Protein backbone atom coordinates (compact mmCIF):
# COMPACT_ATOMS: atom_id res chain seq x y z
CA MET A 1 -69.29 -5.72 -5.82
CA TRP A 2 -68.06 -9.28 -5.69
CA VAL A 3 -65.17 -8.33 -7.96
CA LEU A 4 -64.16 -5.46 -5.67
CA LYS A 5 -64.18 -7.73 -2.64
CA ARG A 6 -62.06 -10.27 -4.46
CA LEU A 7 -59.62 -7.53 -5.58
CA SER A 8 -59.48 -6.16 -2.04
CA ARG A 9 -58.65 -9.62 -0.72
CA LYS A 10 -55.84 -9.98 -3.27
CA LEU A 11 -54.43 -6.55 -2.35
CA LYS A 12 -54.47 -7.50 1.31
CA LEU A 13 -52.65 -10.72 0.53
CA LEU A 14 -50.15 -8.77 -1.60
CA PHE A 15 -49.50 -6.22 1.12
CA LEU A 16 -49.26 -8.98 3.70
CA SER A 17 -46.78 -10.85 1.51
CA ILE A 18 -44.75 -7.68 1.02
CA PHE A 19 -44.85 -6.99 4.75
CA ILE A 20 -43.75 -10.53 5.56
CA GLY A 21 -41.06 -10.27 2.91
CA ILE A 22 -39.79 -7.02 4.41
CA ILE A 23 -39.77 -8.50 7.89
CA PHE A 24 -37.98 -11.57 6.58
CA PHE A 25 -35.44 -9.41 4.70
CA ILE A 26 -34.82 -7.24 7.76
CA GLY A 27 -34.30 -10.31 9.92
CA TRP A 28 -32.08 -11.95 7.35
CA PHE A 29 -30.10 -8.76 6.79
CA TYR A 30 -29.76 -8.25 10.55
CA TYR A 31 -28.44 -11.80 10.79
CA LEU A 32 -25.91 -11.17 8.01
CA ALA A 33 -24.78 -7.85 9.49
CA ASN A 34 -24.21 -9.33 12.94
CA THR A 35 -22.79 -12.74 12.06
CA ALA A 36 -19.03 -12.82 12.53
CA THR A 37 -16.87 -13.92 9.63
CA GLN A 38 -14.26 -16.44 10.69
CA LEU A 39 -10.79 -15.07 10.04
CA PRO A 40 -8.15 -17.25 8.33
CA PHE A 41 -5.84 -16.63 11.31
CA ILE A 42 -5.45 -14.28 14.28
CA PRO A 43 -4.13 -11.62 14.47
CA TYR A 44 -5.21 -10.78 10.94
CA GLU A 45 -3.63 -7.83 9.14
CA PHE A 46 -5.18 -6.06 6.18
CA SER A 47 -5.12 -2.62 4.61
CA ILE A 48 -7.52 -0.16 3.02
CA GLU A 49 -5.95 1.80 0.18
CA SER A 50 -6.61 5.52 -0.03
CA GLY A 51 -8.79 6.80 -2.86
CA GLY A 52 -10.97 3.69 -3.17
CA ASN A 53 -14.77 3.94 -3.47
CA LEU A 54 -17.20 1.88 -1.40
CA LYS A 55 -17.59 -0.79 -4.09
CA ASN A 56 -13.83 -1.26 -4.46
CA ILE A 57 -13.34 -1.37 -0.70
CA SER A 58 -16.14 -3.94 -0.28
CA ASN A 59 -14.74 -6.16 -3.02
CA GLN A 60 -11.29 -5.94 -1.44
CA LEU A 61 -12.70 -6.96 1.95
CA VAL A 62 -14.34 -9.99 0.31
CA ALA A 63 -11.03 -10.89 -1.35
CA ASP A 64 -9.35 -10.55 2.06
CA HIS A 65 -11.85 -13.08 3.53
CA LEU A 66 -13.38 -10.45 5.81
CA LEU A 67 -16.88 -10.43 4.26
CA PRO A 68 -19.15 -13.15 2.81
CA ASN A 69 -20.29 -10.77 0.04
CA ALA A 70 -19.86 -7.17 -1.06
CA TRP A 71 -23.46 -6.04 -1.65
CA SER A 72 -24.63 -6.46 1.96
CA PHE A 73 -21.68 -4.40 3.20
CA ILE A 74 -22.42 -1.70 0.61
CA LEU A 75 -26.09 -1.62 1.64
CA LEU A 76 -25.22 -1.56 5.34
CA SER A 77 -22.78 1.32 4.81
CA LYS A 78 -25.37 3.35 2.89
CA MET A 79 -28.13 2.64 5.41
CA LEU A 80 -25.94 3.95 8.23
CA GLY A 81 -24.61 6.89 6.21
CA TYR A 82 -21.03 5.61 6.28
CA GLU A 83 -20.40 5.21 2.54
CA SER A 84 -17.80 8.02 2.57
CA SER A 85 -16.52 7.58 6.12
CA ILE A 86 -14.22 4.56 5.82
CA LYS A 87 -10.63 5.54 6.58
CA ALA A 88 -7.64 4.26 4.65
CA GLY A 89 -4.76 2.66 6.52
CA GLU A 90 -3.34 -0.55 7.91
CA TYR A 91 -5.52 -2.53 10.31
CA VAL A 92 -5.20 -5.60 12.49
CA LEU A 93 -8.05 -7.73 13.88
CA ILE A 94 -7.50 -9.81 17.00
CA GLU A 95 -10.85 -11.63 16.83
CA ASP A 96 -13.57 -12.59 14.34
CA ALA A 97 -15.74 -9.61 13.34
CA SER A 98 -19.22 -9.23 11.87
CA PRO A 99 -19.79 -6.89 8.90
CA LEU A 100 -21.31 -4.31 11.27
CA GLN A 101 -18.35 -4.53 13.66
CA LEU A 102 -15.94 -4.32 10.74
CA LEU A 103 -17.70 -1.25 9.36
CA GLU A 104 -17.61 0.52 12.73
CA TYR A 105 -13.94 -0.39 13.05
CA LEU A 106 -13.11 1.08 9.64
CA VAL A 107 -15.16 4.23 10.25
CA LYS A 108 -13.50 4.77 13.62
CA GLY A 109 -10.16 4.53 11.85
CA ASP A 110 -8.44 2.45 14.51
CA ILE A 111 -5.42 2.19 12.24
CA ARG A 112 -2.45 0.09 13.19
CA GLN A 113 0.43 2.43 13.96
CA ASN A 114 4.02 1.74 13.05
CA GLU A 115 6.75 3.35 15.09
CA ILE A 116 10.30 4.61 14.83
CA ARG A 117 12.54 5.63 17.70
CA PHE A 118 15.25 8.28 17.64
CA ILE A 119 17.78 7.81 20.46
CA GLU A 120 19.36 10.53 22.58
CA GLY A 121 22.92 11.18 21.44
CA TRP A 122 22.41 10.05 17.85
CA THR A 123 23.90 12.10 15.05
CA PHE A 124 21.83 13.11 12.04
CA SER A 125 23.57 10.48 9.91
CA GLU A 126 22.57 7.78 12.43
CA LEU A 127 19.00 9.06 12.46
CA ARG A 128 18.85 9.13 8.69
CA LYS A 129 20.18 5.58 8.36
CA VAL A 130 17.42 4.22 10.61
CA LEU A 131 14.83 6.34 8.80
CA ASP A 132 15.97 5.17 5.36
CA GLU A 133 15.97 1.49 6.39
CA HIS A 134 12.51 1.42 8.00
CA PRO A 135 10.30 -0.88 5.86
CA ALA A 136 6.99 0.85 6.67
CA ILE A 137 8.12 4.39 5.75
CA ARG A 138 7.73 6.08 2.38
CA HIS A 139 11.22 7.39 1.66
CA ASP A 140 10.63 10.79 0.08
CA THR A 141 13.99 12.18 1.28
CA LEU A 142 16.12 9.23 0.17
CA ASN A 143 18.02 11.08 -2.56
CA LEU A 144 17.85 14.56 -1.05
CA SER A 145 20.78 16.47 0.40
CA GLU A 146 20.82 17.68 4.00
CA GLN A 147 20.07 21.23 2.83
CA GLU A 148 17.17 20.06 0.66
CA ILE A 149 15.67 18.22 3.63
CA LEU A 150 15.95 21.32 5.83
CA GLN A 151 14.21 23.37 3.16
CA LEU A 152 11.49 20.74 2.78
CA ILE A 153 10.62 20.74 6.50
CA GLY A 154 10.73 24.53 6.74
CA ALA A 155 13.87 24.75 8.90
CA SER A 156 15.92 27.95 8.75
CA GLU A 157 19.09 26.36 10.14
CA LEU A 158 22.02 25.60 7.84
CA LYS A 159 22.90 22.23 9.41
CA ALA A 160 20.56 19.39 10.40
CA GLU A 161 22.64 18.12 13.31
CA GLY A 162 20.79 18.14 16.62
CA LEU A 163 17.57 19.65 15.26
CA PHE A 164 15.35 16.59 15.77
CA PHE A 165 13.99 15.64 19.17
CA PRO A 166 14.82 12.06 20.22
CA ASP A 167 11.58 10.23 20.91
CA THR A 168 9.30 7.46 19.61
CA TYR A 169 7.16 8.57 16.67
CA PHE A 170 4.08 6.72 15.43
CA PHE A 171 2.85 6.73 11.84
CA PRO A 172 0.60 4.72 9.48
CA ARG A 173 2.16 2.37 6.95
CA ASN A 174 3.60 4.24 3.98
CA GLY A 175 3.74 7.46 6.00
CA SER A 176 6.27 9.93 4.63
CA ASP A 177 9.67 10.40 6.26
CA VAL A 178 9.14 14.13 5.66
CA SER A 179 6.17 14.10 8.04
CA ILE A 180 8.19 12.31 10.74
CA LEU A 181 11.10 14.73 10.39
CA LYS A 182 8.75 17.71 10.59
CA ARG A 183 7.23 16.39 13.80
CA ALA A 184 10.64 15.71 15.34
CA TYR A 185 11.90 19.15 14.29
CA HIS A 186 8.90 21.06 15.66
CA THR A 187 8.97 19.01 18.87
CA MET A 188 12.58 20.09 19.39
CA GLN A 189 11.70 23.71 18.62
CA ASN A 190 8.90 23.64 21.21
CA HIS A 191 11.18 22.20 23.90
CA LEU A 192 13.82 24.83 23.14
CA LYS A 193 11.29 27.68 23.34
CA ILE A 194 10.04 26.47 26.72
CA ALA A 195 13.59 26.01 28.05
CA TRP A 196 14.69 29.41 26.73
CA SER A 197 11.72 31.21 28.30
CA SER A 198 12.50 29.67 31.71
CA ARG A 199 16.32 29.86 31.52
CA LYS A 200 18.50 31.17 34.32
CA GLU A 201 19.49 34.79 34.12
CA SER A 202 22.88 35.92 32.84
CA LEU A 203 23.71 32.75 30.92
CA PRO A 204 26.45 33.30 28.31
CA LEU A 205 24.10 31.98 25.62
CA LYS A 206 22.90 34.28 22.86
CA SER A 207 20.11 32.13 21.45
CA GLU A 208 18.10 28.95 21.72
CA TYR A 209 20.41 27.44 19.12
CA GLU A 210 23.49 28.04 21.30
CA GLY A 211 21.60 26.33 24.12
CA LEU A 212 20.98 23.40 21.79
CA ILE A 213 24.71 23.20 21.00
CA LEU A 214 25.54 23.15 24.71
CA ALA A 215 22.83 20.55 25.39
CA SER A 216 24.28 18.27 22.70
CA ILE A 217 27.71 18.41 24.38
CA ILE A 218 26.14 17.59 27.74
CA GLU A 219 24.30 14.66 26.14
CA LYS A 220 27.54 13.17 24.80
CA GLU A 221 29.55 13.82 27.95
CA THR A 222 27.47 11.73 30.34
CA GLY A 223 24.71 9.16 30.42
CA LYS A 224 24.00 9.83 34.10
CA LYS A 225 21.06 12.17 34.60
CA SER A 226 22.26 13.46 37.97
CA ASP A 227 25.56 14.67 36.46
CA ARG A 228 24.06 16.67 33.62
CA SER A 229 23.31 19.88 35.51
CA MET A 230 26.78 19.84 37.11
CA ILE A 231 28.48 19.34 33.74
CA ALA A 232 26.33 22.17 32.38
CA GLY A 233 27.47 24.32 35.31
CA VAL A 234 31.14 23.61 34.57
CA LEU A 235 30.76 24.41 30.87
CA ILE A 236 28.84 27.62 31.62
CA ASN A 237 31.56 28.68 34.08
CA ARG A 238 34.24 28.10 31.45
CA LEU A 239 32.29 30.08 28.85
CA ARG A 240 31.89 32.97 31.28
CA LEU A 241 35.62 33.03 32.01
CA GLY A 242 36.60 32.70 28.36
CA MET A 243 38.23 29.31 28.99
CA LYS A 244 38.29 26.71 26.24
CA LEU A 245 35.67 24.02 26.83
CA GLN A 246 38.17 21.20 26.17
CA VAL A 247 35.60 18.43 25.71
CA ASP A 248 36.45 15.24 23.84
CA PRO A 249 33.06 14.60 22.14
CA THR A 250 33.35 17.75 20.01
CA VAL A 251 36.80 16.70 18.80
CA ILE A 252 35.52 13.21 17.97
CA TYR A 253 32.59 14.71 16.07
CA GLY A 254 34.95 16.89 14.07
CA ILE A 255 37.11 13.90 13.13
CA GLY A 256 33.97 12.26 11.75
CA GLN A 257 34.16 8.90 9.99
CA ASP A 258 37.94 8.82 10.33
CA PHE A 259 37.65 8.35 14.11
CA ASP A 260 38.78 4.82 14.96
CA GLY A 261 37.63 4.76 18.58
CA ASN A 262 40.94 5.96 20.01
CA LEU A 263 41.31 9.69 20.74
CA ARG A 264 45.01 10.57 20.54
CA LYS A 265 46.97 13.57 21.79
CA GLN A 266 47.64 14.51 18.18
CA ASP A 267 43.88 14.76 17.62
CA LEU A 268 43.64 17.30 20.44
CA LEU A 269 46.45 19.35 18.88
CA THR A 270 45.04 19.29 15.35
CA ASP A 271 43.03 22.42 14.65
CA GLN A 272 39.52 21.96 13.25
CA GLU A 273 36.28 23.85 13.86
CA TYR A 274 35.00 21.34 16.44
CA ASN A 275 38.27 21.11 18.41
CA THR A 276 37.35 22.82 21.68
CA TYR A 277 40.91 22.26 22.94
CA MET A 278 42.16 24.61 20.23
CA ARG A 279 39.24 27.01 19.82
CA SER A 280 37.34 29.07 22.38
CA GLY A 281 33.58 29.16 22.78
CA LEU A 282 30.97 26.77 21.49
CA PRO A 283 31.46 24.70 18.33
CA PRO A 284 29.54 25.91 15.25
CA SER A 285 26.69 23.42 15.56
CA PRO A 286 25.26 20.72 17.82
CA ILE A 287 27.12 17.41 17.73
CA ALA A 288 24.14 15.12 18.42
CA MET A 289 20.47 15.04 19.38
CA PRO A 290 20.09 15.97 23.06
CA GLY A 291 17.28 14.60 25.17
CA LEU A 292 15.03 16.70 27.38
CA ALA A 293 17.20 16.26 30.50
CA SER A 294 20.24 17.67 28.70
CA ILE A 295 18.22 20.57 27.29
CA GLN A 296 16.92 21.45 30.73
CA ALA A 297 20.44 21.22 32.17
CA ALA A 298 21.85 23.55 29.51
CA PHE A 299 19.34 26.30 30.25
CA ASN A 300 19.25 25.72 34.02
CA PRO A 301 22.75 24.58 35.03
CA ALA A 302 23.78 23.82 38.60
CA GLU A 303 25.32 26.61 40.66
CA THR A 304 28.90 25.44 41.16
CA ASP A 305 32.46 26.74 41.37
CA ALA A 306 33.77 23.69 39.50
CA LEU A 307 35.75 24.29 36.32
CA TYR A 308 36.83 20.72 35.54
CA PHE A 309 35.37 17.24 35.42
CA VAL A 310 36.63 13.78 34.56
CA ALA A 311 34.78 10.51 33.99
CA LYS A 312 35.18 8.01 36.82
CA GLY A 313 34.65 5.05 34.54
CA ASN A 314 31.34 4.02 36.12
CA GLY A 315 29.14 6.52 34.30
CA GLU A 316 29.67 9.22 36.90
CA SER A 317 31.95 12.27 36.85
CA HIS A 318 34.34 13.81 39.37
CA PHE A 319 34.29 17.62 39.58
CA SER A 320 37.14 19.93 40.61
CA THR A 321 37.45 23.67 41.18
CA ASN A 322 41.15 23.93 40.27
CA LEU A 323 43.61 22.36 37.85
CA LYS A 324 45.74 20.74 40.55
CA ASP A 325 42.82 18.77 41.97
CA HIS A 326 41.64 17.96 38.46
CA ASN A 327 45.01 16.51 37.45
CA ARG A 328 45.00 14.41 40.58
CA ALA A 329 41.50 13.11 39.71
CA VAL A 330 42.57 12.39 36.13
CA HIS A 331 45.52 10.37 37.40
CA LYS A 332 43.27 8.48 39.80
CA TYR A 333 40.40 7.61 37.48
CA GLN A 334 42.09 7.28 34.10
CA LYS A 335 44.95 5.13 35.37
CA GLN A 336 42.57 2.56 36.87
């Protein structure tokens, strides 16, 4: 009997010790999980590589001075059921973070986004140069031809010019240029579908693509938003009447890299497929990336009797209904 009492007392002490130990461990672990690690500097950038397991990620975070040890982070992740939920990517911290805060941050996937901007009026070669030179992009298209790129993004068009919507695109570090091009292409397709479905009746445009060609000309003809619909109206009128468009930007595009910044009379008289002084109708492809305002103008041009326009030299255009008035305006504004 005495032995049983003594054994019972020892068991009680053992259980009490275990209980105290558990309470101590929980308190200590809670302290570790919620104590912020001082960052070497702020803002602090780091990355989580894709394909890493929890142990590798934890060791990397220790090496990056974000954790005091790996095991507590591993245990915390497993306790919360997050061992497979950490998202790869590039991160930036703007303040010290505890292991728990860091874990929640990585599970949320608040990845630092890089960006690239495509400008209205750019040609495909200009777009591609910026894309190829961006340091945060994975350059999967670097050695591909234009046709190979079109095939890769699922485009049915034969020429890449004008197919990509000018905008700012965000992506994680080492994101593929193919993904960016696909997004820009599909964004343009969506805008064209919307514009085509709400276009004015009786436009002399056979397809969305012809509207894109017209929009690209409008984009290059003026930088003033208020003039776009009027320029579209003039070009539509000329197409309806079978008049040559006679727009300089198409000629310049056709000259290509040989253009020295000075458009000469001889250039206007030299026949090539983009010379709208020599050939009727639209050129065979867009000449640049049009923005949304130019797309909307192409499919919903202003109602006007004007058949001519000339740049005033201040970003605006002067419109005329007949050649005599147009010649007078040309003399006035281009002789200034």
